[in-house]
Amino acid sequence: MKSVPRPAVQAAVAALALGLCWLIAGTLGARAGYDSSWHVIWAQDLLAGRSPSLDAWAAPTEHPLLVAIALLAAPFGPRASQAMVALDLFALLLVCPALIRLTGACFGSRASGAVAWLVLAGAYGLLLAALRGYLDVWFVLLVVVAATRHAEHGGDGAGAIPIGLAGLLRPEGWLIAAAAAIDSMIRRDRQAAIRYSAATLVPPALWFGIDQAVTGNALLSIDTARTLALEGDGGGPIRVIAASLLGGVRGPATLLGAIGLVLAWKVVGLRRLRTPLAIGAIGLGSAAGIAILGLTVLPRYLMLAWLALSIFAGYAVGGWSSPGLSDSLRARWRVAGLCALVLGAVGAGALGAPAKLADEVAIDRSMGRDLGALLAEPSVRRGLECGPLTFPSFRLIPDAILVLDDRSIEVRGRALDPIPETGVAVVVTGGGETVAGRYSRPGIDLPVDEAVPAGFTPAGTSGDLSAFVRCSAVSR
């Protein structure tokens, strides 16, 4: 009896995993976040033969590889947001075997990778990022794959392609590729140096080239990053960095990462720690560089630093599987690691991490349902014949574009000039400060108008949203 080819088995497992991710996304009602929704819109534009509006008002920074990923979700139409989340969940699953291979190559401990994945997905909220279709999950996956290939093949340039792809998601990818290129030059590995140099230079050239070709402004992505600054800067970069690495459930995990670093240093030696240490140093260095340039430091910008800490935290718990340990030390380490896992799970529950995750997803689900129901109201649809659809801020603009699936309808912020005299005005009327702070007056330095425009009359309410219209077609 012939055995089933391994590629066929892998394809079947991948298909089952994708199906499971689709079911999870649909069951939870998870929706793509603001940035990801815009990338789905741009992907739909490309599939329809339209030029994507990369420079639309309040549009996020365009990330070329995320647009390419969104091309897989765009054909699903009304379910494109669910498809984007499902793809992200699938990427999150792939991070686990990639981390297992990385820790196996660096520490000789594959168990450490599985624990690192639990820490990375839970403590920092990479699971929440996946449930919003954010690019961070894909970026982490590509960085881990590149680091694994670099560690397994002795730095022969094997990681150049995945880190080059990561550079089409975040500029930190350029820094990692540049560091690998410099290391290759020092080691006089000419082939690796050429590959990593290409991985350093090609992604930004493509990125700026796309911006130039589509908008005529090669530096559009940089300008967007500067424009969309958070009000108050979250208390300053030092406070953001401290809160991101020490706050909530991340504090104990960071301590565990420090313990794991010391243990790994003693057991496997500093030379084998170069790859995760370099990732962490580049993460912290890039965050510092962002602060020096006067840009906003967001917690997600510290993802590389957290990735390194998670790897070492994984070793603190799963390092017992490293070769060369005595049986007694292995047994004691295994028990201590199991206790750490149990305490971590109990601590996460006590600090409310699972409840917070559930609340975040519930808010996203509720808002998506409310918006879809409101825009389906007959009076609202008639009102759209007379003028634009406006919102108090920028937050719900891409969601509405995806729901309407009609590019002839203008969707915009109400505070923009000229102020619409007819059309449909949506107002956030429920949900308390949490919902209002997210959808009505988010902390971004962009104009906000929460008032109902003069002369507009009620047209319908759905959950936390209410619509008001001004149009002769509605009154007839």
Protein backbone atom coordinates (compact mmCIF):
# COMPACT_ATOMS: atom_id res chain seq x y z
CA MET A 1 0.00 0.00 0.00
CA LYS A 2 1.42 3.34 -1.07
CA SER A 3 1.95 5.99 1.58
CA VAL A 4 0.35 9.40 1.10
CA PRO A 5 2.94 11.96 -0.08
CA ARG A 6 3.99 14.34 2.68
CA PRO A 7 3.04 17.49 0.68
CA ALA A 8 -0.49 16.10 0.29
CA VAL A 9 -0.76 15.51 4.04
CA GLN A 10 0.53 19.01 4.77
CA ALA A 11 -1.95 20.51 2.30
CA ALA A 12 -4.82 18.60 3.91
CA VAL A 13 -3.81 19.71 7.40
CA ALA A 14 -3.47 23.31 6.21
CA ALA A 15 -6.91 23.17 4.61
CA LEU A 16 -8.46 21.81 7.81
CA ALA A 17 -6.70 24.47 9.87
CA LEU A 18 -7.93 27.22 7.55
CA GLY A 19 -11.47 25.86 7.80
CA LEU A 20 -11.22 25.85 11.58
CA CYS A 21 -9.94 29.43 11.57
CA TRP A 22 -12.86 30.45 9.34
CA LEU A 23 -15.33 28.86 11.77
CA ILE A 24 -13.69 30.54 14.78
CA ALA A 25 -13.77 33.95 13.09
CA GLY A 26 -17.41 33.51 12.11
CA THR A 27 -18.54 32.10 15.45
CA LEU A 28 -16.88 34.90 17.41
CA GLY A 29 -18.07 37.53 14.97
CA ALA A 30 -14.53 38.92 14.83
CA ARG A 31 -13.95 41.79 12.40
CA ALA A 32 -10.90 43.19 10.72
CA GLY A 33 -9.57 46.32 12.44
CA TYR A 34 -9.32 49.79 10.92
CA ASP A 35 -5.98 49.32 9.16
CA SER A 36 -6.83 45.86 7.85
CA SER A 37 -10.25 46.98 6.60
CA TRP A 38 -8.61 49.67 4.47
CA HIS A 39 -6.24 47.07 3.03
CA VAL A 40 -9.22 44.89 2.11
CA ILE A 41 -10.80 47.92 0.38
CA TRP A 42 -7.61 48.57 -1.57
CA ALA A 43 -7.43 44.90 -2.54
CA GLN A 44 -11.02 45.01 -3.78
CA ASP A 45 -10.18 48.09 -5.80
CA LEU A 46 -7.27 46.29 -7.44
CA LEU A 47 -9.42 43.26 -8.28
CA ALA A 48 -12.03 45.60 -9.81
CA GLY A 49 -9.39 47.38 -11.90
CA ARG A 50 -9.54 50.59 -9.86
CA SER A 51 -6.57 52.51 -8.51
CA PRO A 52 -6.51 52.09 -4.69
CA SER A 53 -7.09 55.30 -2.73
CA LEU A 54 -3.93 55.01 -0.63
CA ASP A 55 -4.04 58.74 0.15
CA ALA A 56 -7.69 58.87 1.27
CA TRP A 57 -8.44 61.05 4.29
CA ALA A 58 -7.28 59.35 7.53
CA ALA A 59 -6.30 56.21 5.64
CA PRO A 60 -3.59 54.24 7.47
CA THR A 61 -0.10 53.59 6.22
CA GLU A 62 -0.22 51.23 3.27
CA HIS A 63 1.76 47.99 3.71
CA PRO A 64 2.41 46.24 0.38
CA LEU A 65 2.44 42.65 1.64
CA LEU A 66 -0.75 43.19 3.66
CA VAL A 67 -2.47 44.36 0.47
CA ALA A 68 -1.30 41.14 -1.20
CA ILE A 69 -2.69 39.08 1.70
CA ALA A 70 -5.94 41.04 1.54
CA LEU A 71 -6.28 40.00 -2.11
CA LEU A 72 -7.07 36.52 -0.75
CA ALA A 73 -9.86 37.91 1.44
CA ALA A 74 -11.29 40.53 -0.94
CA PRO A 75 -13.28 38.10 -3.17
CA PHE A 76 -15.41 37.08 -0.17
CA GLY A 77 -17.42 40.32 -0.49
CA PRO A 78 -19.52 40.90 2.65
CA ARG A 79 -17.44 38.22 4.41
CA ALA A 80 -14.09 39.71 3.44
CA SER A 81 -13.54 40.97 6.98
CA GLN A 82 -14.14 37.47 8.36
CA ALA A 83 -11.77 36.02 5.76
CA MET A 84 -9.06 38.49 6.77
CA VAL A 85 -9.38 37.44 10.40
CA ALA A 86 -9.34 33.75 9.44
CA LEU A 87 -6.10 34.24 7.51
CA ASP A 88 -4.54 35.98 10.51
CA LEU A 89 -5.59 33.17 12.86
CA PHE A 90 -4.02 30.71 10.44
CA ALA A 91 -0.78 32.72 10.50
CA LEU A 92 -0.89 32.68 14.31
CA LEU A 93 -1.10 28.89 14.24
CA LEU A 94 1.92 28.75 11.91
CA VAL A 95 3.96 30.80 14.38
CA CYS A 96 3.90 27.85 16.82
CA PRO A 97 5.81 25.26 14.71
CA ALA A 98 8.13 28.03 13.52
CA LEU A 99 9.02 28.91 17.12
CA ILE A 100 9.49 25.23 17.96
CA ARG A 101 12.04 24.93 15.16
CA LEU A 102 13.76 28.19 16.20
CA THR A 103 14.22 27.20 19.84
CA GLY A 104 15.33 23.76 18.72
CA ALA A 105 18.04 25.35 16.58
CA CYS A 106 19.11 27.91 19.20
CA PHE A 107 18.73 25.98 22.46
CA GLY A 108 18.25 22.35 21.47
CA SER A 109 14.89 22.64 23.24
CA ARG A 110 11.79 22.36 21.07
CA ALA A 111 9.48 22.45 24.09
CA SER A 112 10.65 26.02 24.70
CA GLY A 113 9.11 27.09 21.38
CA ALA A 114 5.66 25.79 22.29
CA VAL A 115 5.75 27.70 25.58
CA ALA A 116 7.08 30.80 23.80
CA TRP A 117 4.06 30.67 21.51
CA LEU A 118 1.67 30.56 24.47
CA VAL A 119 3.39 33.57 26.05
CA LEU A 120 3.53 35.50 22.78
CA ALA A 121 -0.09 34.83 21.86
CA GLY A 122 -1.48 35.46 25.32
CA ALA A 123 0.52 37.90 27.37
CA TYR A 124 1.12 40.49 24.68
CA GLY A 125 -2.19 40.09 22.94
CA LEU A 126 -1.05 38.69 19.60
CA LEU A 127 -4.28 36.67 19.70
CA LEU A 128 -6.27 39.90 19.82
CA ALA A 129 -4.19 41.21 16.91
CA ALA A 130 -5.11 38.08 14.95
CA LEU A 131 -8.80 38.53 15.81
CA ARG A 132 -8.57 41.97 14.17
CA GLY A 133 -6.62 40.87 11.13
CA TYR A 134 -3.58 43.02 12.00
CA LEU A 135 -0.30 42.72 10.13
CA ASP A 136 1.66 42.08 13.35
CA VAL A 137 0.92 38.35 13.21
CA TRP A 138 2.31 37.99 9.69
CA PHE A 139 5.32 40.11 10.59
CA VAL A 140 6.14 37.93 13.60
CA LEU A 141 5.69 34.77 11.52
CA LEU A 142 8.08 35.94 8.82
CA VAL A 143 10.68 37.14 11.35
CA VAL A 144 10.58 33.79 13.17
CA VAL A 145 10.86 31.85 9.90
CA ALA A 146 13.82 34.01 8.82
CA ALA A 147 15.50 33.62 12.22
CA THR A 148 14.97 29.85 12.09
CA ARG A 149 16.53 29.51 8.68
CA HIS A 150 19.42 31.74 9.74
CA ALA A 151 20.02 29.63 12.87
CA GLU A 152 19.63 26.27 11.12
CA HIS A 153 21.81 27.03 8.11
CA GLY A 154 24.61 28.91 9.82
CA GLY A 155 23.82 32.29 8.33
CA ASP A 156 24.23 31.40 4.64
CA GLY A 157 21.53 33.85 3.61
CA ALA A 158 18.70 31.32 3.88
CA GLY A 159 16.58 33.80 5.82
CA ALA A 160 16.81 36.57 3.23
CA ILE A 161 13.50 35.88 1.47
CA PRO A 162 11.24 35.76 4.58
CA ILE A 163 12.92 38.80 6.15
CA GLY A 164 12.62 40.61 2.83
CA LEU A 165 8.88 39.87 2.86
CA ALA A 166 8.71 41.08 6.47
CA GLY A 167 10.23 44.34 5.25
CA LEU A 168 7.10 44.84 3.13
CA LEU A 169 5.08 44.89 6.35
CA ARG A 170 7.22 46.86 8.80
CA PRO A 171 10.47 48.85 8.45
CA GLU A 172 11.98 46.84 11.31
CA GLY A 173 12.40 44.12 8.71
CA TRP A 174 14.90 46.36 6.90
CA LEU A 175 16.89 46.73 10.11
CA ILE A 176 17.02 42.98 10.72
CA ALA A 177 18.11 42.36 7.13
CA ALA A 178 20.76 45.09 7.41
CA ALA A 179 22.10 43.58 10.64
CA ALA A 180 22.29 40.16 8.97
CA ALA A 181 24.07 41.70 5.96
CA ILE A 182 26.67 43.38 8.19
CA ASP A 183 27.20 40.15 10.12
CA SER A 184 27.70 38.29 6.83
CA MET A 185 30.26 40.85 5.69
CA ILE A 186 32.16 40.48 8.95
CA ARG A 187 32.20 36.72 8.47
CA ARG A 188 33.19 37.26 4.80
CA ASP A 189 30.25 35.25 3.58
CA ARG A 190 29.83 37.02 0.25
CA GLN A 191 26.72 35.12 -0.92
CA ALA A 192 24.86 35.73 2.34
CA ALA A 193 25.91 39.39 2.34
CA ILE A 194 24.49 39.87 -1.15
CA ARG A 195 21.20 38.16 -0.25
CA TYR A 196 20.67 40.11 2.95
CA SER A 197 21.69 43.38 1.27
CA ALA A 198 18.99 42.76 -1.32
CA ALA A 199 16.52 42.01 1.50
CA THR A 200 17.51 45.37 3.02
CA LEU A 201 17.22 47.50 -0.11
CA VAL A 202 14.49 45.93 -2.25
CA PRO A 203 11.52 46.17 0.20
CA PRO A 204 11.78 49.96 0.80
CA ALA A 205 12.39 50.52 -2.92
CA LEU A 206 9.20 48.58 -3.72
CA TRP A 207 7.27 50.32 -0.94
CA PHE A 208 8.22 53.84 -1.98
CA GLY A 209 7.84 52.90 -5.64
CA ILE A 210 4.24 51.74 -5.11
CA ASP A 211 3.40 54.96 -3.25
CA GLN A 212 4.95 57.01 -6.06
CA ALA A 213 3.15 55.08 -8.81
CA VAL A 214 -0.27 55.24 -7.16
CA THR A 215 -0.26 58.67 -5.50
CA GLY A 216 2.69 60.58 -6.95
CA ASN A 217 4.22 60.85 -3.46
CA ALA A 218 6.99 58.33 -2.82
CA LEU A 219 7.09 59.27 0.87
CA LEU A 220 3.34 58.90 1.43
CA SER A 221 3.74 56.12 4.04
CA ILE A 222 6.23 58.18 6.04
CA ASP A 223 3.99 61.26 5.86
CA THR A 224 1.00 59.20 7.02
CA ALA A 225 2.93 57.86 10.01
CA ARG A 226 3.82 61.40 11.01
CA THR A 227 0.27 62.70 10.57
CA LEU A 228 -1.60 60.03 12.51
CA ALA A 229 -0.06 60.83 15.88
CA LEU A 230 -1.74 59.93 19.14
CA GLU A 231 -2.80 62.85 21.28
CA GLY A 232 -0.63 63.04 24.40
CA ASP A 233 1.68 60.32 23.01
CA GLY A 234 0.45 57.87 25.65
CA GLY A 235 2.57 59.54 28.37
CA GLY A 236 5.81 59.54 26.35
CA PRO A 237 7.91 56.76 24.80
CA ILE A 238 9.54 55.64 28.06
CA ARG A 239 6.16 55.17 29.70
CA VAL A 240 4.80 53.32 26.64
CA ILE A 241 7.81 50.98 26.57
CA ALA A 242 7.58 50.31 30.30
CA ALA A 243 3.83 49.69 30.16
CA SER A 244 4.18 47.42 27.11
CA LEU A 245 6.81 45.20 28.70
CA LEU A 246 5.88 45.41 32.38
CA GLY A 247 2.14 46.08 32.53
CA GLY A 248 -0.58 43.56 33.38
CA VAL A 249 0.17 39.93 32.56
CA ARG A 250 3.24 41.06 30.62
CA GLY A 251 5.18 41.96 33.78
CA PRO A 252 5.51 38.38 35.11
CA ALA A 253 6.21 37.13 31.58
CA THR A 254 8.99 39.71 31.19
CA LEU A 255 10.51 38.54 34.48
CA LEU A 256 10.28 34.96 33.23
CA GLY A 257 12.04 36.06 30.04
CA ALA A 258 14.90 37.58 32.06
CA ILE A 259 15.24 34.33 34.03
CA GLY A 260 15.23 32.33 30.81
CA LEU A 261 17.96 34.54 29.33
CA VAL A 262 20.23 33.86 32.31
CA LEU A 263 19.50 30.12 32.21
CA ALA A 264 20.08 29.89 28.45
CA TRP A 265 23.35 31.84 28.79
CA LYS A 266 24.61 29.36 31.39
CA VAL A 267 23.38 26.19 29.65
CA VAL A 268 23.92 26.78 25.91
CA GLY A 269 26.31 29.74 25.88
CA LEU A 270 26.08 33.28 24.55
CA ARG A 271 26.99 32.45 20.94
CA ARG A 272 23.79 30.44 20.40
CA LEU A 273 21.70 33.28 21.80
CA ARG A 274 22.80 35.78 19.18
CA THR A 275 19.69 35.44 17.00
CA PRO A 276 16.99 36.09 19.66
CA LEU A 277 19.18 38.73 21.33
CA ALA A 278 19.60 40.55 18.01
CA ILE A 279 15.83 40.49 17.43
CA GLY A 280 15.19 41.99 20.87
CA ALA A 281 17.89 44.65 20.49
CA ILE A 282 16.57 45.72 17.09
CA GLY A 283 13.05 45.92 18.53
CA LEU A 284 14.10 48.21 21.36
CA GLY A 285 16.41 50.20 19.09
CA SER A 286 13.72 50.81 16.48
CA ALA A 287 11.27 51.98 19.17
CA ALA A 288 13.92 54.39 20.45
CA GLY A 289 14.55 55.61 16.91
CA ILE A 290 10.85 56.24 16.37
CA ALA A 291 10.77 58.32 19.56
CA ILE A 292 13.87 60.29 18.51
CA LEU A 293 12.22 61.11 15.16
CA GLY A 294 9.28 62.57 17.08
CA LEU A 295 6.81 59.88 15.98
CA THR A 296 4.36 58.16 18.29
CA VAL A 297 5.64 55.01 19.99
CA LEU A 298 2.83 52.46 20.02
CA PRO A 299 2.90 49.20 22.02
CA ARG A 300 2.79 47.19 18.80
CA TYR A 301 6.14 48.72 17.78
CA LEU A 302 7.73 46.71 20.59
CA MET A 303 6.62 43.40 19.11
CA LEU A 304 10.19 42.34 18.27
CA ALA A 305 11.34 43.01 21.83
CA TRP A 306 8.41 41.01 23.13
CA LEU A 307 9.15 38.21 20.67
CA ALA A 308 12.67 37.88 22.09
CA LEU A 309 11.39 37.97 25.68
CA SER A 310 8.81 35.30 24.84
CA ILE A 311 11.51 33.04 23.41
CA PHE A 312 13.55 33.32 26.60
CA ALA A 313 10.43 32.92 28.75
CA GLY A 314 9.76 29.75 26.82
CA TYR A 315 13.24 28.53 27.69
CA ALA A 316 12.73 29.32 31.38
CA VAL A 317 9.76 26.92 31.34
CA GLY A 318 10.70 24.37 28.68
CA GLY A 319 14.51 24.42 28.85
CA TRP A 320 14.47 21.07 30.64
CA SER A 321 14.39 19.46 27.19
CA SER A 322 17.86 20.85 26.38
CA PRO A 323 20.54 18.19 25.81
CA GLY A 324 23.37 17.67 28.29
CA LEU A 325 21.36 18.16 31.49
CA SER A 326 21.51 15.67 34.34
CA ASP A 327 18.40 13.61 35.00
CA SER A 328 17.85 15.21 38.42
CA LEU A 329 18.16 18.75 37.03
CA ARG A 330 15.87 17.88 34.12
CA ALA A 331 13.21 16.54 36.51
CA ARG A 332 13.37 19.57 38.83
CA TRP A 333 13.26 21.98 35.87
CA ARG A 334 10.27 20.16 34.41
CA VAL A 335 8.32 20.47 37.66
CA ALA A 336 9.27 24.13 38.07
CA GLY A 337 8.23 24.83 34.48
CA LEU A 338 4.87 23.14 34.96
CA CYS A 339 4.27 25.19 38.10
CA ALA A 340 5.16 28.36 36.19
CA LEU A 341 2.62 27.50 33.48
CA VAL A 342 -0.13 26.87 36.03
CA LEU A 343 0.67 30.07 37.94
CA GLY A 344 0.74 32.00 34.68
CA ALA A 345 -2.68 30.73 33.65
CA VAL A 346 -4.15 31.46 37.09
CA GLY A 347 -2.53 34.90 37.15
CA ALA A 348 -3.82 35.78 33.69
CA GLY A 349 -7.32 34.83 34.79
CA ALA A 350 -7.00 36.81 38.02
CA LEU A 351 -5.83 39.89 36.13
CA GLY A 352 -8.81 39.57 33.79
CA ALA A 353 -6.90 38.92 30.55
CA PRO A 354 -9.44 36.41 29.10
CA ALA A 355 -12.36 38.68 30.04
CA LYS A 356 -10.68 41.69 28.46
CA LEU A 357 -10.09 39.76 25.26
CA ALA A 358 -13.72 38.64 25.20
CA ASP A 359 -14.91 42.21 25.82
CA GLU A 360 -12.77 43.59 22.99
CA VAL A 361 -14.10 41.05 20.52
CA ALA A 362 -17.67 41.61 21.76
CA ILE A 363 -17.40 45.37 21.15
CA ASP A 364 -16.10 44.78 17.62
CA ARG A 365 -18.84 42.22 16.92
CA SER A 366 -21.59 44.46 18.29
CA MET A 367 -20.46 47.49 16.31
CA GLY A 368 -20.24 45.49 13.09
CA ARG A 369 -23.74 44.13 13.61
CA ASP A 370 -25.16 47.55 14.48
CA LEU A 371 -23.57 49.24 11.49
CA GLY A 372 -24.76 46.57 9.06
CA ALA A 373 -28.33 46.73 10.37
CA LEU A 374 -28.40 50.54 10.35
CA LEU A 375 -27.16 50.86 6.78
CA ALA A 376 -29.78 48.33 5.68
CA GLU A 377 -32.64 50.56 6.92
CA PRO A 378 -34.79 51.64 3.92
CA SER A 379 -34.88 55.29 5.07
CA VAL A 380 -31.10 55.30 5.39
CA ARG A 381 -30.66 53.79 1.94
CA ARG A 382 -32.94 56.44 0.45
CA GLY A 383 -31.05 59.15 2.29
CA LEU A 384 -27.82 58.01 0.68
CA GLU A 385 -29.31 58.98 -2.68
CA CYS A 386 -29.18 62.64 -1.65
CA GLY A 387 -25.76 63.02 -0.06
CA PRO A 388 -22.78 61.43 1.62
CA LEU A 389 -22.68 59.10 4.59
CA THR A 390 -20.86 60.86 7.42
CA PHE A 391 -19.45 59.76 10.76
CA PRO A 392 -18.21 61.75 13.76
CA SER A 393 -14.63 60.53 13.19
CA PHE A 394 -12.64 58.35 10.83
CA ARG A 395 -13.05 55.03 12.66
CA LEU A 396 -16.12 53.56 10.94
CA ILE A 397 -15.39 54.82 7.43
CA PRO A 398 -13.75 51.64 6.05
CA ASP A 399 -16.33 49.41 7.77
CA ALA A 400 -19.12 51.34 6.08
CA ILE A 401 -17.41 51.16 2.69
CA LEU A 402 -17.16 47.38 3.02
CA VAL A 403 -20.79 47.05 4.15
CA LEU A 404 -22.16 49.26 1.37
CA ASP A 405 -19.94 47.72 -1.32
CA ASP A 406 -20.77 50.69 -3.54
CA ARG A 407 -17.94 53.10 -4.35
CA SER A 408 -20.38 55.64 -5.79
CA ILE A 409 -21.51 56.48 -2.23
CA GLU A 410 -19.23 59.00 -0.55
CA VAL A 411 -18.25 58.05 3.01
CA ARG A 412 -16.42 60.67 5.06
CA GLY A 413 -15.89 62.39 8.39
CA ARG A 414 -18.42 65.04 9.28
CA ALA A 415 -15.81 67.59 10.39
CA LEU A 416 -14.33 67.89 6.90
CA ASP A 417 -15.05 70.90 4.72
CA PRO A 418 -17.46 71.41 3.15
CA ILE A 419 -19.98 70.34 5.78
CA PRO A 420 -22.69 68.22 4.06
CA GLU A 421 -26.16 69.78 4.01
CA THR A 422 -27.92 66.58 2.94
CA GLY A 423 -27.35 62.85 3.19
CA VAL A 424 -27.01 60.54 6.20
CA ALA A 425 -25.26 61.40 9.46
CA VAL A 426 -24.44 58.54 11.84
CA VAL A 427 -23.98 59.30 15.53
CA VAL A 428 -22.72 57.07 18.35
CA THR A 429 -25.54 57.25 20.90
CA GLY A 430 -24.84 54.29 23.20
CA GLY A 431 -22.15 52.03 24.56
CA GLY A 432 -20.76 54.46 27.12
CA GLU A 433 -17.29 55.99 27.17
CA THR A 434 -15.57 52.85 25.90
CA VAL A 435 -17.49 52.79 22.62
CA ALA A 436 -17.48 56.57 22.25
CA GLY A 437 -13.74 56.72 22.87
CA ARG A 438 -13.14 54.18 20.13
CA TYR A 439 -15.63 55.12 17.42
CA SER A 440 -16.74 58.68 18.08
CA ARG A 441 -13.72 60.54 19.47
CA PRO A 442 -10.61 58.32 19.22
CA GLY A 443 -7.35 59.78 20.47
CA ILE A 444 -5.91 60.71 17.08
CA ASP A 445 -5.11 64.28 16.13
CA LEU A 446 -7.80 64.48 13.42
CA PRO A 447 -11.02 66.54 13.33
CA VAL A 448 -14.08 65.19 15.15
CA ASP A 449 -17.72 66.29 15.02
CA GLU A 450 -20.09 64.33 17.26
CA ALA A 451 -23.12 66.62 16.84
CA VAL A 452 -26.20 65.89 14.77
CA PRO A 453 -26.14 68.34 11.82
CA ALA A 454 -28.83 71.02 11.84
CA GLY A 455 -31.93 70.09 9.89
CA PHE A 456 -31.29 66.33 9.97
CA THR A 457 -34.10 64.15 11.32
CA PRO A 458 -34.04 60.68 12.91
CA ALA A 459 -34.03 57.81 10.42
CA GLY A 460 -33.27 54.77 12.53
CA THR A 461 -31.34 53.29 15.44
CA SER A 462 -29.44 50.05 15.77
CA GLY A 463 -27.71 49.28 19.05
CA ASP A 464 -25.18 52.00 19.80
CA LEU A 465 -25.65 53.81 16.48
CA SER A 466 -28.33 56.21 15.26
CA ALA A 467 -28.81 57.66 11.79
CA PHE A 468 -30.19 61.06 10.86
CA VAL A 469 -31.10 62.15 7.34
CA ARG A 470 -31.86 65.26 5.39
CA CYS A 471 -33.27 64.52 1.99
CA SER A 472 -36.55 65.28 0.23
CA ALA A 473 -36.71 61.71 -1.02
CA VAL A 474 -37.12 60.47 2.56
CA SER A 475 -40.02 62.74 3.44
CA ARG A 476 -42.11 61.78 0.45
